[in-house]
Amino acid sequence: MRRIRPGARVLVVEDNPVNQLVARKMLTKLDCLVDVAANGREGFEMATALDYDVVFMDCHMPEMDGFEATAAIHRAQPDTAQRAPIIAM
């Protein structure tokens, strides 16, 4: 099992503001650099524009859900060695 290292760049894709806050605080306590996207479309754009060590993805969101966003990220980044792991929340 891998651990999130201090200084890891993490993307949280979550539409619920309370869940965004909780995830950000938990990851910040682990010394992670945290970005938050409010929906799957925004998460896709951020995940393909910046280098993240891990992406935490909500499954049910407006505009583009987590399943669609994950599939789009995989299509845009076919090289799995360069793609950050995406963890469903």
PDB file of N, CA and C in Angstrom:
ATOM      1  N   MET A   1       0.834  -1.184   0.000  1.00  0.00           N
ATOM      2  CA  MET A   1       0.000   0.000   0.000  1.00  0.00           C
ATOM      3  C   MET A   1       0.875   1.242   0.000  1.00  0.00           C
ATOM      4  N   ARG A   2       0.599   2.162  -0.930  1.00  0.00           N
ATOM      5  CA  ARG A   2       1.352   3.408  -0.993  1.00  0.00           C
ATOM      6  C   ARG A   2       0.787   4.418  -0.012  1.00  0.00           C
ATOM      7  N   ARG A   3       1.657   5.267   0.464  1.00  0.00           N
ATOM      8  CA  ARG A   3       1.226   6.362   1.334  1.00  0.00           C
ATOM      9  C   ARG A   3       1.386   7.676   0.594  1.00  0.00           C
ATOM     10  N   ILE A   4       0.587   8.643   0.978  1.00  0.00           N
ATOM     11  CA  ILE A   4       0.724   9.972   0.391  1.00  0.00           C
ATOM     12  C   ILE A   4       1.893  10.650   1.076  1.00  0.00           C
ATOM     13  N   ARG A   5       2.873  11.034   0.290  1.00  0.00           N
ATOM     14  CA  ARG A   5       4.075  11.650   0.854  1.00  0.00           C
ATOM     15  C   ARG A   5       3.841  13.133   1.135  1.00  0.00           C
ATOM     16  N   PRO A   6       4.525  13.660   2.141  1.00  0.00           N
ATOM     17  CA  PRO A   6       4.443  15.105   2.382  1.00  0.00           C
ATOM     18  C   PRO A   6       4.877  15.865   1.131  1.00  0.00           C
ATOM     19  N   GLY A   7       4.168  16.913   0.823  1.00  0.00           N
ATOM     20  CA  GLY A   7       4.468  17.705  -0.357  1.00  0.00           C
ATOM     21  C   GLY A   7       3.809  17.199  -1.627  1.00  0.00           C
ATOM     22  N   ALA A   8       3.037  16.108  -1.532  1.00  0.00           N
ATOM     23  CA  ALA A   8       2.355  15.572  -2.715  1.00  0.00           C
ATOM     24  C   ALA A   8       1.340  16.584  -3.218  1.00  0.00           C
ATOM     25  N   ARG A   9       1.222  16.659  -4.525  1.00  0.00           N
ATOM     26  CA  ARG A   9       0.224  17.536  -5.132  1.00  0.00           C
ATOM     27  C   ARG A   9      -1.033  16.702  -5.373  1.00  0.00           C
ATOM     28  N   VAL A  10      -2.136  17.104  -4.750  1.00  0.00           N
ATOM     29  CA  VAL A  10      -3.373  16.316  -4.742  1.00  0.00           C
ATOM     30  C   VAL A  10      -4.518  17.147  -5.324  1.00  0.00           C
ATOM     31  N   LEU A  11      -5.323  16.502  -6.156  1.00  0.00           N
ATOM     32  CA  LEU A  11      -6.536  17.120  -6.679  1.00  0.00           C
ATOM     33  C   LEU A  11      -7.740  16.421  -6.063  1.00  0.00           C
ATOM     34  N   VAL A  12      -8.630  17.206  -5.466  1.00  0.00           N
ATOM     35  CA  VAL A  12      -9.892  16.703  -4.927  1.00  0.00           C
ATOM     36  C   VAL A  12     -10.999  17.209  -5.853  1.00  0.00           C
ATOM     37  N   VAL A  13     -11.740  16.277  -6.461  1.00  0.00           N
ATOM     38  CA  VAL A  13     -12.846  16.630  -7.351  1.00  0.00           C
ATOM     39  C   VAL A  13     -14.127  16.277  -6.612  1.00  0.00           C
ATOM     40  N   GLU A  14     -14.820  17.302  -6.142  1.00  0.00           N
ATOM     41  CA  GLU A  14     -15.965  17.118  -5.232  1.00  0.00           C
ATOM     42  C   GLU A  14     -16.878  18.326  -5.355  1.00  0.00           C
ATOM     43  N   ASP A  15     -18.184  18.095  -5.527  1.00  0.00           N
ATOM     44  CA  ASP A  15     -19.120  19.202  -5.685  1.00  0.00           C
ATOM     45  C   ASP A  15     -19.689  19.717  -4.365  1.00  0.00           C
ATOM     46  N   ASN A  16     -19.602  18.954  -3.301  1.00  0.00           N
ATOM     47  CA  ASN A  16     -20.170  19.357  -2.015  1.00  0.00           C
ATOM     48  C   ASN A  16     -19.155  20.207  -1.244  1.00  0.00           C
ATOM     49  N   PRO A  17     -19.503  21.469  -0.912  1.00  0.00           N
ATOM     50  CA  PRO A  17     -18.557  22.358  -0.230  1.00  0.00           C
ATOM     51  C   PRO A  17     -18.060  21.825   1.122  1.00  0.00           C
ATOM     52  N   VAL A  18     -18.926  21.152   1.867  1.00  0.00           N
ATOM     53  CA  VAL A  18     -18.501  20.609   3.168  1.00  0.00           C
ATOM     54  C   VAL A  18     -17.474  19.495   2.951  1.00  0.00           C
ATOM     55  N   ASN A  19     -17.738  18.607   1.999  1.00  0.00           N
ATOM     56  CA  ASN A  19     -16.791  17.536   1.696  1.00  0.00           C
ATOM     57  C   ASN A  19     -15.473  18.089   1.154  1.00  0.00           C
ATOM     58  N   GLN A  20     -15.551  19.159   0.379  1.00  0.00           N
ATOM     59  CA  GLN A  20     -14.329  19.820  -0.108  1.00  0.00           C
ATOM     60  C   GLN A  20     -13.480  20.291   1.073  1.00  0.00           C
ATOM     61  N   LEU A  21     -14.135  20.944   2.015  1.00  0.00           N
ATOM     62  CA  LEU A  21     -13.437  21.475   3.191  1.00  0.00           C
ATOM     63  C   LEU A  21     -12.809  20.358   4.018  1.00  0.00           C
ATOM     64  N   VAL A  22     -13.557  19.295   4.270  1.00  0.00           N
ATOM     65  CA  VAL A  22     -13.049  18.176   5.068  1.00  0.00           C
ATOM     66  C   VAL A  22     -11.844  17.527   4.374  1.00  0.00           C
ATOM     67  N   ALA A  23     -11.975  17.256   3.076  1.00  0.00           N
ATOM     68  CA  ALA A  23     -10.871  16.626   2.339  1.00  0.00           C
ATOM     69  C   ALA A  23      -9.642  17.523   2.334  1.00  0.00           C
ATOM     70  N   ARG A  24      -9.850  18.816   2.087  1.00  0.00           N
ATOM     71  CA  ARG A  24      -8.713  19.757   2.064  1.00  0.00           C
ATOM     72  C   ARG A  24      -7.999  19.774   3.424  1.00  0.00           C
ATOM     73  N   LYS A  25      -8.766  19.849   4.510  1.00  0.00           N
ATOM     74  CA  LYS A  25      -8.157  19.904   5.843  1.00  0.00           C
ATOM     75  C   LYS A  25      -7.400  18.616   6.159  1.00  0.00           C
ATOM     76  N   MET A  26      -7.987  17.476   5.842  1.00  0.00           N
ATOM     77  CA  MET A  26      -7.316  16.195   6.114  1.00  0.00           C
ATOM     78  C   MET A  26      -6.010  16.083   5.326  1.00  0.00           C
ATOM     79  N   LEU A  27      -6.050  16.444   4.060  1.00  0.00           N
ATOM     80  CA  LEU A  27      -4.860  16.326   3.221  1.00  0.00           C
ATOM     81  C   LEU A  27      -3.813  17.383   3.563  1.00  0.00           C
ATOM     82  N   THR A  28      -4.257  18.563   3.951  1.00  0.00           N
ATOM     83  CA  THR A  28      -3.321  19.610   4.369  1.00  0.00           C
ATOM     84  C   THR A  28      -2.575  19.191   5.629  1.00  0.00           C
ATOM     85  N   LYS A  29      -3.272  18.498   6.532  1.00  0.00           N
ATOM     86  CA  LYS A  29      -2.614  17.988   7.743  1.00  0.00           C
ATOM     87  C   LYS A  29      -1.531  16.969   7.411  1.00  0.00           C
ATOM     88  N   LEU A  30      -1.641  16.328   6.254  1.00  0.00           N
ATOM     89  CA  LEU A  30      -0.618  15.390   5.796  1.00  0.00           C
ATOM     90  C   LEU A  30       0.464  16.105   4.972  1.00  0.00           C
ATOM     91  N   ASP A  31       0.439  17.446   5.012  1.00  0.00           N
ATOM     92  CA  ASP A  31       1.393  18.294   4.293  1.00  0.00           C
ATOM     93  C   ASP A  31       1.301  18.158   2.781  1.00  0.00           C
ATOM     94  N   CYS A  32       0.093  17.934   2.274  1.00  0.00           N
ATOM     95  CA  CYS A  32      -0.124  17.868   0.833  1.00  0.00           C
ATOM     96  C   CYS A  32      -0.477  19.254   0.305  1.00  0.00           C
ATOM     97  N   LEU A  33      -0.179  19.465  -0.962  1.00  0.00           N
ATOM     98  CA  LEU A  33      -0.601  20.673  -1.669  1.00  0.00           C
ATOM     99  C   LEU A  33      -1.911  20.301  -2.350  1.00  0.00           C
ATOM    100  N   VAL A  34      -3.003  20.951  -1.972  1.00  0.00           N
ATOM    101  CA  VAL A  34      -4.339  20.514  -2.381  1.00  0.00           C
ATOM    102  C   VAL A  34      -5.001  21.542  -3.293  1.00  0.00           C
ATOM    103  N   ASP A  35      -5.500  21.053  -4.438  1.00  0.00           N
ATOM    104  CA  ASP A  35      -6.363  21.834  -5.316  1.00  0.00           C
ATOM    105  C   ASP A  35      -7.731  21.176  -5.288  1.00  0.00           C
ATOM    106  N   VAL A  36      -8.780  21.977  -5.476  1.00  0.00           N
ATOM    107  CA  VAL A  36     -10.142  21.459  -5.459  1.00  0.00           C
ATOM    108  C   VAL A  36     -10.853  21.864  -6.741  1.00  0.00           C
ATOM    109  N   ALA A  37     -11.526  20.897  -7.351  1.00  0.00           N
ATOM    110  CA  ALA A  37     -12.385  21.140  -8.504  1.00  0.00           C
ATOM    111  C   ALA A  37     -13.820  20.873  -8.067  1.00  0.00           C
ATOM    112  N   ALA A  38     -14.745  21.714  -8.513  1.00  0.00           N
ATOM    113  CA  ALA A  38     -16.127  21.640  -8.049  1.00  0.00           C
ATOM    114  C   ALA A  38     -17.018  20.715  -8.872  1.00  0.00           C
ATOM    115  N   ASN A  39     -16.511  20.187  -9.987  1.00  0.00           N
ATOM    116  CA  ASN A  39     -17.296  19.240 -10.780  1.00  0.00           C
ATOM    117  C   ASN A  39     -16.347  18.439 -11.666  1.00  0.00           C
ATOM    118  N   GLY A  40     -16.880  17.429 -12.321  1.00  0.00           N
ATOM    119  CA  GLY A  40     -16.055  16.541 -13.125  1.00  0.00           C
ATOM    120  C   GLY A  40     -15.384  17.226 -14.300  1.00  0.00           C
ATOM    121  N   ARG A  41     -16.087  18.144 -14.936  1.00  0.00           N
ATOM    122  CA  ARG A  41     -15.502  18.856 -16.082  1.00  0.00           C
ATOM    123  C   ARG A  41     -14.297  19.682 -15.636  1.00  0.00           C
ATOM    124  N   GLU A  42     -14.453  20.395 -14.545  1.00  0.00           N
ATOM    125  CA  GLU A  42     -13.345  21.184 -13.990  1.00  0.00           C
ATOM    126  C   GLU A  42     -12.205  20.256 -13.550  1.00  0.00           C
ATOM    127  N   GLY A  43     -12.556  19.140 -12.949  1.00  0.00           N
ATOM    128  CA  GLY A  43     -11.549  18.167 -12.525  1.00  0.00           C
ATOM    129  C   GLY A  43     -10.775  17.604 -13.701  1.00  0.00           C
ATOM    130  N   PHE A  44     -11.475  17.289 -14.790  1.00  0.00           N
ATOM    131  CA  PHE A  44     -10.817  16.804 -16.001  1.00  0.00           C
ATOM    132  C   PHE A  44      -9.823  17.831 -16.514  1.00  0.00           C
ATOM    133  N   GLU A  45     -10.266  19.082 -16.608  1.00  0.00           N
ATOM    134  CA  GLU A  45      -9.392  20.145 -17.121  1.00  0.00           C
ATOM    135  C   GLU A  45      -8.149  20.309 -16.249  1.00  0.00           C
ATOM    136  N   MET A  46      -8.335  20.289 -14.936  1.00  0.00           N
ATOM    137  CA  MET A  46      -7.190  20.460 -14.025  1.00  0.00           C
ATOM    138  C   MET A  46      -6.263  19.242 -14.075  1.00  0.00           C
ATOM    139  N   ALA A  47      -6.852  18.038 -14.095  1.00  0.00           N
ATOM    140  CA  ALA A  47      -6.045  16.813 -14.073  1.00  0.00           C
ATOM    141  C   ALA A  47      -5.208  16.655 -15.332  1.00  0.00           C
ATOM    142  N   THR A  48      -5.692  17.184 -16.446  1.00  0.00           N
ATOM    143  CA  THR A  48      -4.938  17.053 -17.689  1.00  0.00           C
ATOM    144  C   THR A  48      -4.010  18.235 -17.939  1.00  0.00           C
ATOM    145  N   ALA A  49      -4.175  19.313 -17.177  1.00  0.00           N
ATOM    146  CA  ALA A  49      -3.320  20.494 -17.363  1.00  0.00           C
ATOM    147  C   ALA A  49      -2.139  20.513 -16.398  1.00  0.00           C
ATOM    148  N   LEU A  50      -2.301  19.914 -15.218  1.00  0.00           N
ATOM    149  CA  LEU A  50      -1.261  19.958 -14.191  1.00  0.00           C
ATOM    150  C   LEU A  50      -0.849  18.545 -13.804  1.00  0.00           C
ATOM    151  N   ASP A  51       0.333  18.436 -13.228  1.00  0.00           N
ATOM    152  CA  ASP A  51       0.821  17.125 -12.774  1.00  0.00           C
ATOM    153  C   ASP A  51       0.439  16.907 -11.316  1.00  0.00           C
ATOM    154  N   TYR A  52      -0.437  15.936 -11.073  1.00  0.00           N
ATOM    155  CA  TYR A  52      -0.854  15.583  -9.718  1.00  0.00           C
ATOM    156  C   TYR A  52      -0.281  14.225  -9.349  1.00  0.00           C
ATOM    157  N   ASP A  53      -0.033  14.040  -8.058  1.00  0.00           N
ATOM    158  CA  ASP A  53       0.431  12.754  -7.566  1.00  0.00           C
ATOM    159  C   ASP A  53      -0.737  11.798  -7.346  1.00  0.00           C
ATOM    160  N   VAL A  54      -1.901  12.359  -7.026  1.00  0.00           N
ATOM    161  CA  VAL A  54      -3.107  11.549  -6.825  1.00  0.00           C
ATOM    162  C   VAL A  54      -4.334  12.444  -7.016  1.00  0.00           C
ATOM    163  N   VAL A  55      -5.424  11.823  -7.489  1.00  0.00           N
ATOM    164  CA  VAL A  55      -6.697  12.524  -7.665  1.00  0.00           C
ATOM    165  C   VAL A  55      -7.748  11.769  -6.854  1.00  0.00           C
ATOM    166  N   PHE A  56      -8.463  12.493  -6.001  1.00  0.00           N
ATOM    167  CA  PHE A  56      -9.605  11.933  -5.285  1.00  0.00           C
ATOM    168  C   PHE A  56     -10.855  12.414  -6.011  1.00  0.00           C
ATOM    169  N   MET A  57     -11.674  11.462  -6.485  1.00  0.00           N
ATOM    170  CA  MET A  57     -12.791  11.783  -7.371  1.00  0.00           C
ATOM    171  C   MET A  57     -14.121  11.357  -6.771  1.00  0.00           C
ATOM    172  N   ASP A  58     -15.029  12.332  -6.589  1.00  0.00           N
ATOM    173  CA  ASP A  58     -16.408  12.014  -6.220  1.00  0.00           C
ATOM    174  C   ASP A  58     -17.067  11.354  -7.430  1.00  0.00           C
ATOM    175  N   CYS A  59     -17.921  10.401  -7.207  1.00  0.00           N
ATOM    176  CA  CYS A  59     -18.550   9.678  -8.320  1.00  0.00           C
ATOM    177  C   CYS A  59     -19.782  10.381  -8.872  1.00  0.00           C
ATOM    178  N   HIS A  60     -20.541  11.058  -8.013  1.00  0.00           N
ATOM    179  CA  HIS A  60     -21.816  11.653  -8.424  1.00  0.00           C
ATOM    180  C   HIS A  60     -21.735  13.167  -8.333  1.00  0.00           C
ATOM    181  N   MET A  61     -21.609  13.809  -9.503  1.00  0.00           N
ATOM    182  CA  MET A  61     -21.503  15.270  -9.569  1.00  0.00           C
ATOM    183  C   MET A  61     -22.277  15.783 -10.772  1.00  0.00           C
ATOM    184  N   PRO A  62     -22.609  17.070 -10.770  1.00  0.00           N
ATOM    185  CA  PRO A  62     -23.282  17.664 -11.929  1.00  0.00           C
ATOM    186  C   PRO A  62     -22.294  17.880 -13.083  1.00  0.00           C
ATOM    187  N   GLU A  63     -22.835  18.159 -14.239  1.00  0.00           N
ATOM    188  CA  GLU A  63     -22.096  18.437 -15.476  1.00  0.00           C
ATOM    189  C   GLU A  63     -21.404  17.197 -16.022  1.00  0.00           C
ATOM    190  N   MET A  64     -20.451  16.650 -15.278  1.00  0.00           N
ATOM    191  CA  MET A  64     -19.743  15.432 -15.676  1.00  0.00           C
ATOM    192  C   MET A  64     -19.478  14.670 -14.388  1.00  0.00           C
ATOM    193  N   ASP A  65     -20.009  13.448 -14.276  1.00  0.00           N
ATOM    194  CA  ASP A  65     -19.800  12.718 -13.025  1.00  0.00           C
ATOM    195  C   ASP A  65     -18.378  12.143 -12.970  1.00  0.00           C
ATOM    196  N   GLY A  66     -18.038  11.572 -11.846  1.00  0.00           N
ATOM    197  CA  GLY A  66     -16.692  11.063 -11.635  1.00  0.00           C
ATOM    198  C   GLY A  66     -16.307   9.934 -12.570  1.00  0.00           C
ATOM    199  N   PHE A  67     -17.276   9.124 -12.973  1.00  0.00           N
ATOM    200  CA  PHE A  67     -17.000   8.025 -13.899  1.00  0.00           C
ATOM    201  C   PHE A  67     -16.639   8.576 -15.277  1.00  0.00           C
ATOM    202  N   GLU A  68     -17.418   9.558 -15.737  1.00  0.00           N
ATOM    203  CA  GLU A  68     -17.140  10.193 -17.031  1.00  0.00           C
ATOM    204  C   GLU A  68     -15.813  10.938 -16.996  1.00  0.00           C
ATOM    205  N   ALA A  69     -15.558  11.663 -15.908  1.00  0.00           N
ATOM    206  CA  ALA A  69     -14.312  12.431 -15.785  1.00  0.00           C
ATOM    207  C   ALA A  69     -13.104  11.496 -15.779  1.00  0.00           C
ATOM    208  N   THR A  70     -13.211  10.389 -15.052  1.00  0.00           N
ATOM    209  CA  THR A  70     -12.108   9.424 -15.008  1.00  0.00           C
ATOM    210  C   THR A  70     -11.847   8.843 -16.394  1.00  0.00           C
ATOM    211  N   ALA A  71     -12.902   8.465 -17.099  1.00  0.00           N
ATOM    212  CA  ALA A  71     -12.745   7.917 -18.451  1.00  0.00           C
ATOM    213  C   ALA A  71     -12.112   8.956 -19.379  1.00  0.00           C
ATOM    214  N   ALA A  72     -12.526  10.207 -19.271  1.00  0.00           N
ATOM    215  CA  ALA A  72     -11.969  11.271 -20.116  1.00  0.00           C
ATOM    216  C   ALA A  72     -10.485  11.490 -19.803  1.00  0.00           C
ATOM    217  N   ILE A  73     -10.126  11.449 -18.531  1.00  0.00           N
ATOM    218  CA  ILE A  73      -8.715  11.594 -18.136  1.00  0.00           C
ATOM    219  C   ILE A  73      -7.900  10.448 -18.722  1.00  0.00           C
ATOM    220  N   HIS A  74      -8.423   9.234 -18.644  1.00  0.00           N
ATOM    221  CA  HIS A  74      -7.712   8.069 -19.186  1.00  0.00           C
ATOM    222  C   HIS A  74      -7.542   8.175 -20.699  1.00  0.00           C
ATOM    223  N   ARG A  75      -8.555   8.689 -21.385  1.00  0.00           N
ATOM    224  CA  ARG A  75      -8.437   8.870 -22.843  1.00  0.00           C
ATOM    225  C   ARG A  75      -7.405   9.942 -23.171  1.00  0.00           C
ATOM    226  N   ALA A  76      -7.386  11.024 -22.381  1.00  0.00           N
ATOM    227  CA  ALA A  76      -6.463  12.137 -22.642  1.00  0.00           C
ATOM    228  C   ALA A  76      -5.025  11.803 -22.248  1.00  0.00           C
ATOM    229  N   GLN A  77      -4.866  10.883 -21.291  1.00  0.00           N
ATOM    230  CA  GLN A  77      -3.545  10.490 -20.808  1.00  0.00           C
ATOM    231  C   GLN A  77      -3.418   8.971 -20.904  1.00  0.00           C
ATOM    232  N   PRO A  78      -3.231   8.436 -22.114  1.00  0.00           N
ATOM    233  CA  PRO A  78      -3.208   6.984 -22.269  1.00  0.00           C
ATOM    234  C   PRO A  78      -1.997   6.298 -21.634  1.00  0.00           C
ATOM    235  N   ASP A  79      -0.913   7.039 -21.412  1.00  0.00           N
ATOM    236  CA  ASP A  79       0.283   6.450 -20.798  1.00  0.00           C
ATOM    237  C   ASP A  79       0.076   6.347 -19.289  1.00  0.00           C
ATOM    238  N   THR A  80      -0.200   5.149 -18.799  1.00  0.00           N
ATOM    239  CA  THR A  80      -0.500   4.958 -17.373  1.00  0.00           C
ATOM    240  C   THR A  80       0.672   5.307 -16.478  1.00  0.00           C
ATOM    241  N   ALA A  81       1.884   5.279 -16.991  1.00  0.00           N
ATOM    242  CA  ALA A  81       3.050   5.614 -16.162  1.00  0.00           C
ATOM    243  C   ALA A  81       3.062   7.099 -15.799  1.00  0.00           C
ATOM    244  N   GLN A  82       2.464   7.930 -16.649  1.00  0.00           N
ATOM    245  CA  GLN A  82       2.454   9.368 -16.404  1.00  0.00           C
ATOM    246  C   GLN A  82       1.176   9.850 -15.727  1.00  0.00           C
ATOM    247  N   ARG A  83       0.193   8.981 -15.643  1.00  0.00           N
ATOM    248  CA  ARG A  83      -1.126   9.359 -15.116  1.00  0.00           C
ATOM    249  C   ARG A  83      -1.180   9.156 -13.606  1.00  0.00           C
ATOM    250  N   ALA A  84      -1.720  10.137 -12.893  1.00  0.00           N
ATOM    251  CA  ALA A  84      -1.898  10.016 -11.446  1.00  0.00           C
ATOM    252  C   ALA A  84      -2.974   8.985 -11.144  1.00  0.00           C
ATOM    253  N   PRO A  85      -2.836   8.234 -10.049  1.00  0.00           N
ATOM    254  CA  PRO A  85      -3.926   7.332  -9.657  1.00  0.00           C
ATOM    255  C   PRO A  85      -5.169   8.143  -9.299  1.00  0.00           C
ATOM    256  N   ILE A  86      -6.332   7.609  -9.671  1.00  0.00           N
ATOM    257  CA  ILE A  86      -7.606   8.259  -9.363  1.00  0.00           C
ATOM    258  C   ILE A  86      -8.342   7.362  -8.385  1.00  0.00           C
ATOM    259  N   ILE A  87      -8.677   7.933  -7.246  1.00  0.00           N
ATOM    260  CA  ILE A  87      -9.318   7.186  -6.161  1.00  0.00           C
ATOM    261  C   ILE A  87     -10.739   7.708  -5.994  1.00  0.00           C
ATOM    262  N   ALA A  88     -11.718   6.807  -6.083  1.00  0.00           N
ATOM    263  CA  ALA A  88     -13.122   7.187  -5.925  1.00  0.00           C
ATOM    264  C   ALA A  88     -13.422   7.517  -4.474  1.00  0.00           C
ATOM    265  N   MET A  89     -14.234   8.569  -4.300  1.00  0.00           N
ATOM    266  CA  MET A  89     -14.672   8.954  -2.951  1.00  0.00           C
ATOM    267  C   MET A  89     -16.175   8.724  -2.839  1.00  0.00           C
TER     268      MET A  89
END
